[in-house]
Protein backbone atom coordinates (compact mmCIF):
# COMPACT_ATOMS: atom_id res chain seq x y z
CA MET A 1 83.41 79.71 82.96
CA ARG A 2 82.79 82.32 85.42
CA ILE A 3 84.22 81.86 89.04
CA LEU A 4 84.32 83.43 91.85
CA VAL A 5 86.83 83.86 94.03
CA LEU A 6 86.57 84.68 97.83
CA GLN A 7 90.36 85.11 99.02
CA THR A 8 92.56 88.15 100.61
CA THR A 9 95.90 90.41 99.25
CA LYS A 10 97.17 88.53 103.13
CA LEU A 11 97.46 84.69 101.68
CA ASN A 12 100.52 84.01 100.59
CA PHE A 13 101.98 83.83 97.08
CA ALA A 14 102.05 80.34 96.69
CA HIS A 15 98.28 80.43 97.49
CA ARG A 16 97.48 83.42 95.80
CA SER A 17 99.20 82.06 92.21
CA PHE A 18 96.91 79.10 91.91
CA THR A 19 93.33 81.17 91.15
CA GLU A 20 96.15 84.21 90.08
CA CYS A 21 96.65 81.61 87.20
CA LEU A 22 92.87 80.31 87.01
CA LYS A 23 92.45 84.41 85.87
CA ARG A 24 94.14 83.52 82.70
CA VAL A 25 92.05 81.41 81.95
CA HIS A 26 88.39 81.80 83.02
CA ASP A 27 86.67 84.54 83.94
CA VAL A 28 87.46 84.94 87.86
CA THR A 29 85.98 87.40 89.78
CA PHE A 30 87.84 88.02 92.84
CA TYR A 31 86.09 89.81 96.29
CA GLY A 32 87.78 90.19 99.88
CA ALA A 33 89.98 92.19 101.45
CA GLY A 34 92.76 93.92 98.93
CA PHE A 35 90.52 93.18 95.58
CA VAL A 36 87.49 95.59 95.84
CA GLU A 37 87.59 99.01 97.40
CA ASP A 38 84.18 98.85 98.88
CA TYR A 39 85.23 96.30 100.84
CA ASN A 40 82.60 95.49 103.97
CA SER A 41 84.18 92.15 106.33
CA ASN A 42 80.72 92.29 107.34
CA ILE A 43 78.91 91.35 103.62
CA SER A 44 76.40 88.96 103.12
CA ILE A 45 76.85 86.53 100.22
CA PHE A 46 74.15 87.73 98.37
CA LYS A 47 74.67 91.25 97.84
CA ILE A 48 77.96 90.00 96.40
CA LEU A 49 75.91 87.60 93.54
CA GLU A 50 73.26 90.52 93.02
CA LYS A 51 76.52 93.29 91.90
CA TYR A 52 78.33 90.84 90.02
CA PRO A 53 76.43 88.43 86.92
CA LYS A 54 75.84 84.58 87.69
CA PHE A 55 78.63 82.09 88.14
CA ASP A 56 79.75 78.50 87.86
CA PHE A 57 81.07 78.31 90.91
CA ILE A 58 82.28 79.63 93.80
CA LEU A 59 85.57 79.03 94.91
CA SER A 60 87.18 80.02 98.51
CA ASN A 61 90.81 79.37 98.57
CA ALA A 62 92.44 78.67 102.00
CA LYS A 63 90.24 81.94 103.97
CA GLY A 64 86.85 81.99 102.56
CA TYR A 65 85.26 82.62 106.24
CA PHE A 66 84.98 86.55 105.42
CA ILE A 67 81.74 86.35 104.00
CA ARG A 68 78.42 86.20 105.71
CA ASP A 69 76.11 83.96 104.61
CA LEU A 70 77.44 81.18 102.31
CA HIS A 71 75.79 79.05 104.04
CA GLU A 72 72.35 79.67 102.76
CA ILE A 73 73.98 79.34 98.76
CA SER A 74 72.78 76.14 97.48
CA ASN A 75 72.36 76.97 93.33
CA ILE A 76 75.54 77.73 93.39
CA PRO A 77 78.07 75.42 93.51
CA LYS A 78 80.88 75.94 96.53
CA VAL A 79 84.61 74.93 96.56
CA VAL A 80 87.20 75.46 98.52
CA ILE A 81 90.76 75.03 98.93
CA VAL A 82 92.43 73.84 101.96
CA ALA A 83 95.99 74.42 103.36
CA ASP A 84 98.12 73.47 106.27
CA TYR A 85 94.78 71.48 108.50
CA PHE A 86 97.23 70.94 111.27
CA GLY A 87 97.41 72.36 114.95
CA TRP A 88 95.88 75.52 116.01
CA ARG A 89 94.81 76.11 112.73
CA GLN A 90 92.57 72.84 112.05
CA ASN A 91 90.67 73.70 114.95
CA THR A 92 89.49 76.93 112.61
CA VAL A 93 89.47 75.57 109.55
CA ASN A 94 86.93 72.76 111.05
CA GLN A 95 84.21 75.12 112.23
CA TRP A 96 85.05 77.40 108.88
CA LEU A 97 83.74 73.92 107.20
CA HIS A 98 80.89 73.31 109.31
CA LEU A 99 79.89 76.35 108.63
CA ASN A 100 80.09 77.16 104.42
CA LYS A 101 78.35 74.37 103.49
CA TYR A 102 81.09 73.31 101.06
CA ASP A 103 80.68 71.36 98.68
CA LEU A 104 83.90 69.65 97.60
CA ALA A 105 87.00 70.81 99.26
CA PHE A 106 90.24 70.07 97.63
CA VAL A 107 93.43 69.89 99.59
CA PHE A 108 97.47 69.25 99.18
CA ASN A 109 98.50 66.11 101.81
CA GLU A 110 96.50 62.72 100.45
CA HIS A 111 98.16 61.13 103.62
CA TRP A 112 96.93 63.82 106.42
CA THR A 113 94.83 66.81 105.45
CA LYS A 114 92.54 64.30 103.64
CA VAL A 115 92.88 61.45 106.14
CA GLU A 116 92.25 63.63 108.95
CA LEU A 117 89.32 65.62 107.05
CA GLY A 118 87.60 63.06 105.68
CA LYS A 119 86.83 61.28 109.17
CA LYS A 120 84.94 64.77 109.93
CA LYS A 121 82.61 64.74 107.53
CA LEU A 122 82.25 68.00 106.75
CA VAL A 123 82.71 68.43 102.78
CA PRO A 124 80.60 64.88 101.08
CA LYS A 125 83.69 65.37 98.58
CA ILE A 126 87.65 65.63 98.71
CA PHE A 127 90.05 65.27 95.96
CA VAL A 128 93.92 65.57 95.51
CA ILE A 129 95.78 68.62 93.41
CA PRO A 130 99.06 69.27 94.07
CA PRO A 131 100.51 72.20 95.29
CA GLY A 132 101.79 73.47 92.21
CA ALA A 133 104.71 76.33 90.90
CA ASP A 134 103.34 78.97 88.60
CA GLY A 135 105.55 78.35 84.95
CA PHE A 136 105.06 81.95 84.42
CA PHE A 137 106.78 83.42 87.68
CA PHE A 138 109.36 79.85 88.60
CA LYS A 139 111.53 79.18 85.16
CA GLN A 140 115.12 78.54 84.59
CA MET A 141 116.40 82.51 83.42
CA ASN A 142 119.65 81.00 83.02
CA LEU A 143 121.51 82.91 85.62
CA PRO A 144 124.61 83.34 86.68
CA ARG A 145 124.72 80.71 89.46
CA THR A 146 126.09 82.38 92.40
CA ILE A 147 125.18 81.18 95.46
CA ASP A 148 125.73 78.12 97.01
CA VAL A 149 122.58 77.48 99.13
CA MET A 150 119.40 79.25 99.06
CA SER A 151 116.40 78.22 101.82
CA THR A 152 113.27 79.48 102.94
CA ALA A 153 113.77 82.29 106.15
CA SER A 154 110.79 80.57 108.21
CA GLN A 155 111.61 79.36 111.96
CA SER A 156 108.14 78.27 112.95
CA THR A 157 109.73 75.11 114.10
CA ASN A 158 105.63 74.63 115.46
CA PHE A 159 105.23 73.98 112.44
CA TYR A 160 107.83 73.38 110.33
CA PRO A 161 110.36 71.06 112.97
CA PHE A 162 113.44 71.24 110.76
CA ARG A 163 113.84 74.71 109.34
CA ALA A 164 115.49 75.70 112.68
CA SER A 165 117.62 73.79 112.21
CA ILE A 166 118.39 74.03 108.93
CA ASN A 167 119.25 77.94 109.22
CA GLN A 168 121.50 76.81 112.40
CA THR A 169 123.74 74.40 109.59
CA LEU A 170 123.49 77.43 107.36
CA ARG A 171 125.04 79.98 109.27
CA GLY A 172 127.67 78.05 110.73
CA MET A 173 128.80 77.43 107.21
CA GLN A 174 130.59 80.85 106.46
CA ASP A 175 133.17 79.03 103.50
CA ILE A 176 130.34 78.70 101.48
CA LYS A 177 127.44 82.19 100.02
CA THR A 178 124.25 81.33 101.41
CA GLN A 179 120.48 83.21 101.57
CA ILE A 180 118.42 82.26 103.99
CA GLU A 181 116.67 86.41 104.26
CA LYS A 182 113.13 86.52 102.90
CA LEU A 183 112.41 87.42 99.84
CA PRO A 184 109.15 89.37 97.75
CA PRO A 185 107.98 86.73 95.43
CA LYS A 186 109.98 88.28 91.99
CA LYS A 187 113.05 88.55 93.90
CA TYR A 188 112.37 84.69 95.41
CA ALA A 189 112.27 83.71 91.95
CA GLU A 190 115.83 85.59 90.75
CA TYR A 191 117.46 84.51 94.03
CA LEU A 192 116.40 80.26 92.93
CA ASN A 193 117.74 80.65 89.59
CA LYS A 194 121.14 82.60 91.36
CA SER A 195 121.13 78.99 93.72
CA LYS A 196 122.58 76.01 93.32
CA ILE A 197 121.11 74.51 95.89
CA PHE A 198 117.39 74.92 97.70
CA LEU A 199 117.69 73.64 100.82
CA HIS A 200 114.40 72.43 102.34
CA GLY A 201 112.48 71.44 105.21
CA ALA A 202 108.92 70.03 105.30
CA ASP A 203 105.83 70.45 107.82
CA ARG A 204 105.55 67.90 110.92
CA VAL A 205 102.65 65.63 108.74
CA GLY A 206 104.37 64.79 105.55
CA GLY A 207 103.00 67.21 102.51
CA VAL A 208 104.76 68.22 99.85
CA SER A 209 105.63 72.13 99.78
CA PHE A 210 105.03 74.73 97.03
CA LYS A 211 108.12 75.67 97.13
CA CYS A 212 109.10 72.11 96.02
CA PHE A 213 108.22 72.72 92.41
CA GLU A 214 109.14 76.20 92.17
CA ALA A 215 112.74 75.78 93.64
CA MET A 216 112.99 72.22 90.88
CA ALA A 217 111.01 74.60 88.31
CA CYS A 218 113.67 76.76 88.15
CA GLY A 219 116.26 74.41 87.17
CA THR A 220 117.50 74.20 91.09
CA LEU A 221 119.19 70.98 92.79
CA LEU A 222 116.43 70.37 95.53
CA LEU A 223 117.49 69.29 99.11
CA THR A 224 114.98 68.08 101.49
CA HIS A 225 114.03 64.73 103.28
CA TRP A 226 111.59 62.17 102.42
CA VAL A 227 107.58 62.96 103.81
CA PRO A 228 104.81 60.41 102.58
CA GLY A 229 103.47 63.33 99.84
CA MET A 230 106.51 62.54 97.79
CA VAL A 231 104.79 58.63 96.87
CA THR A 232 101.55 60.74 95.80
CA TYR A 233 103.20 63.27 93.13
CA GLY A 234 105.53 60.34 92.43
CA LEU A 235 108.47 62.23 93.83
CA ILE A 236 111.75 60.22 93.70
CA ALA A 237 115.09 60.59 95.61
CA GLY A 238 118.14 60.79 93.56
CA LYS A 239 116.13 61.30 90.34
CA HIS A 240 114.77 64.07 90.46
CA PHE A 241 115.75 65.59 93.45
CA ALA A 242 118.86 64.97 96.41
CA ALA A 243 117.44 63.53 99.91
CA PHE A 244 119.18 64.24 103.18
CA ASN A 245 118.29 61.94 106.58
CA GLY A 246 118.52 64.93 109.25
CA PRO A 247 119.35 67.86 111.41
CA GLU A 248 122.71 65.56 111.76
CA ASP A 249 124.21 65.21 108.49
CA ILE A 250 122.64 68.31 106.35
CA GLU A 251 126.20 70.33 106.10
CA GLU A 252 127.36 66.35 104.62
CA LYS A 253 124.59 66.34 101.98
CA ILE A 254 125.47 69.53 100.94
CA TYR A 255 129.52 69.68 100.70
CA TYR A 256 128.97 67.06 98.43
CA TRP A 257 126.54 68.16 95.65
CA LEU A 258 128.32 71.01 96.01
CA GLU A 259 131.45 69.41 95.40
CA HIS A 260 129.44 66.55 92.44
CA GLU A 261 128.59 69.82 90.06
CA GLU A 262 128.01 67.52 87.57
CA GLN A 263 126.27 64.80 88.94
CA ARG A 264 124.03 68.03 90.87
CA GLN A 265 123.04 69.90 87.45
CA LYS A 266 121.67 66.64 85.82
CA LEU A 267 119.53 66.13 88.89
CA ALA A 268 118.39 69.18 89.01
CA GLU A 269 117.59 69.14 85.13
CA ALA A 270 115.41 65.88 86.24
CA GLY A 271 113.37 67.41 88.77
CA ARG A 272 113.21 70.34 86.66
CA ARG A 273 111.68 68.67 83.82
CA TYR A 274 109.35 66.76 85.96
CA THR A 275 107.96 69.96 87.29
CA LEU A 276 107.07 71.23 83.96
CA ARG A 277 105.14 67.95 82.49
CA ASN A 278 103.25 67.49 85.86
CA PHE A 279 103.44 70.51 88.51
CA THR A 280 102.22 73.55 86.75
CA ASN A 281 99.49 75.92 88.24
CA GLN A 282 98.57 75.32 84.26
CA LYS A 283 98.58 71.90 84.10
CA ILE A 284 96.61 71.51 87.07
CA ILE A 285 94.08 73.73 87.06
CA LYS A 286 93.24 72.28 83.76
CA TYR A 287 92.45 68.61 86.49
CA PHE A 288 90.90 71.22 88.82
CA MET A 289 88.37 71.93 86.26
CA LYS A 290 88.06 68.54 84.83
CA ILE A 291 87.19 67.47 88.54
CA ILE A 292 84.75 70.55 89.05
CA GLN A 293 83.07 69.43 86.35
CA ARG A 294 82.48 66.39 86.71
CA GLU A 295 81.45 66.35 90.34
CA LEU A 296 79.15 69.42 90.92
CA LEU A 297 78.52 70.61 86.94
């Protein structure tokens, strides 16, 4: 199937990896800053379609508002992936959806994004897909787990209320080895495999992050707090991941799971297997394409 993907290389790795996995199994053409040498920020979609062969559908991945006249396309189905739909981004995305007149949207958060986006009636069809992990990239490497706890470097408290507390807690735990600095993608996957625990703070609207599945795919114990999105994906504390209640018990939970090695390894392995069965990009793409074929083609 031929797909035109409108996105930039400035997207974070998790968002880019989905369409890169899509390219492995379909005929995908990328257009956007960083993908083409003659990129023109003011180009019309009609000029792009003149240059490339016929497409079965057009996909805008997270940010596709840089193409003019997309709203005038009615003979090719238009699909969009909506992520980070809260705060100031929500208004920006609404304007973009209103302008481009998409036929179908995919979202990651059933309890917030799908509900709020549905109220706006900007896209006629909305479906939920999991924020998966690239199974070719995030996998168990059987490296020595010399890092006790790894966490994300982001401290954007507006979007991720627990992350500043997480990093503050880890900096105060001088008796364990931690990793909280930002890493490039390959190093990130490697360091996940070197870590015993991945400590994660979710966004403020209860979504499950790509990082959860990336960590679990590597066989690293995910330590996070419960959010409504876990219901959508069948994630259960104590069965697939370990949970903390809030900033007040993060340190206690870290020490518990570091001290109980056998229990930690067993839970991490259960999370890894559950992720590989259900939440790799390779699995999600099959579901993604099935919906598009059923609803649009």
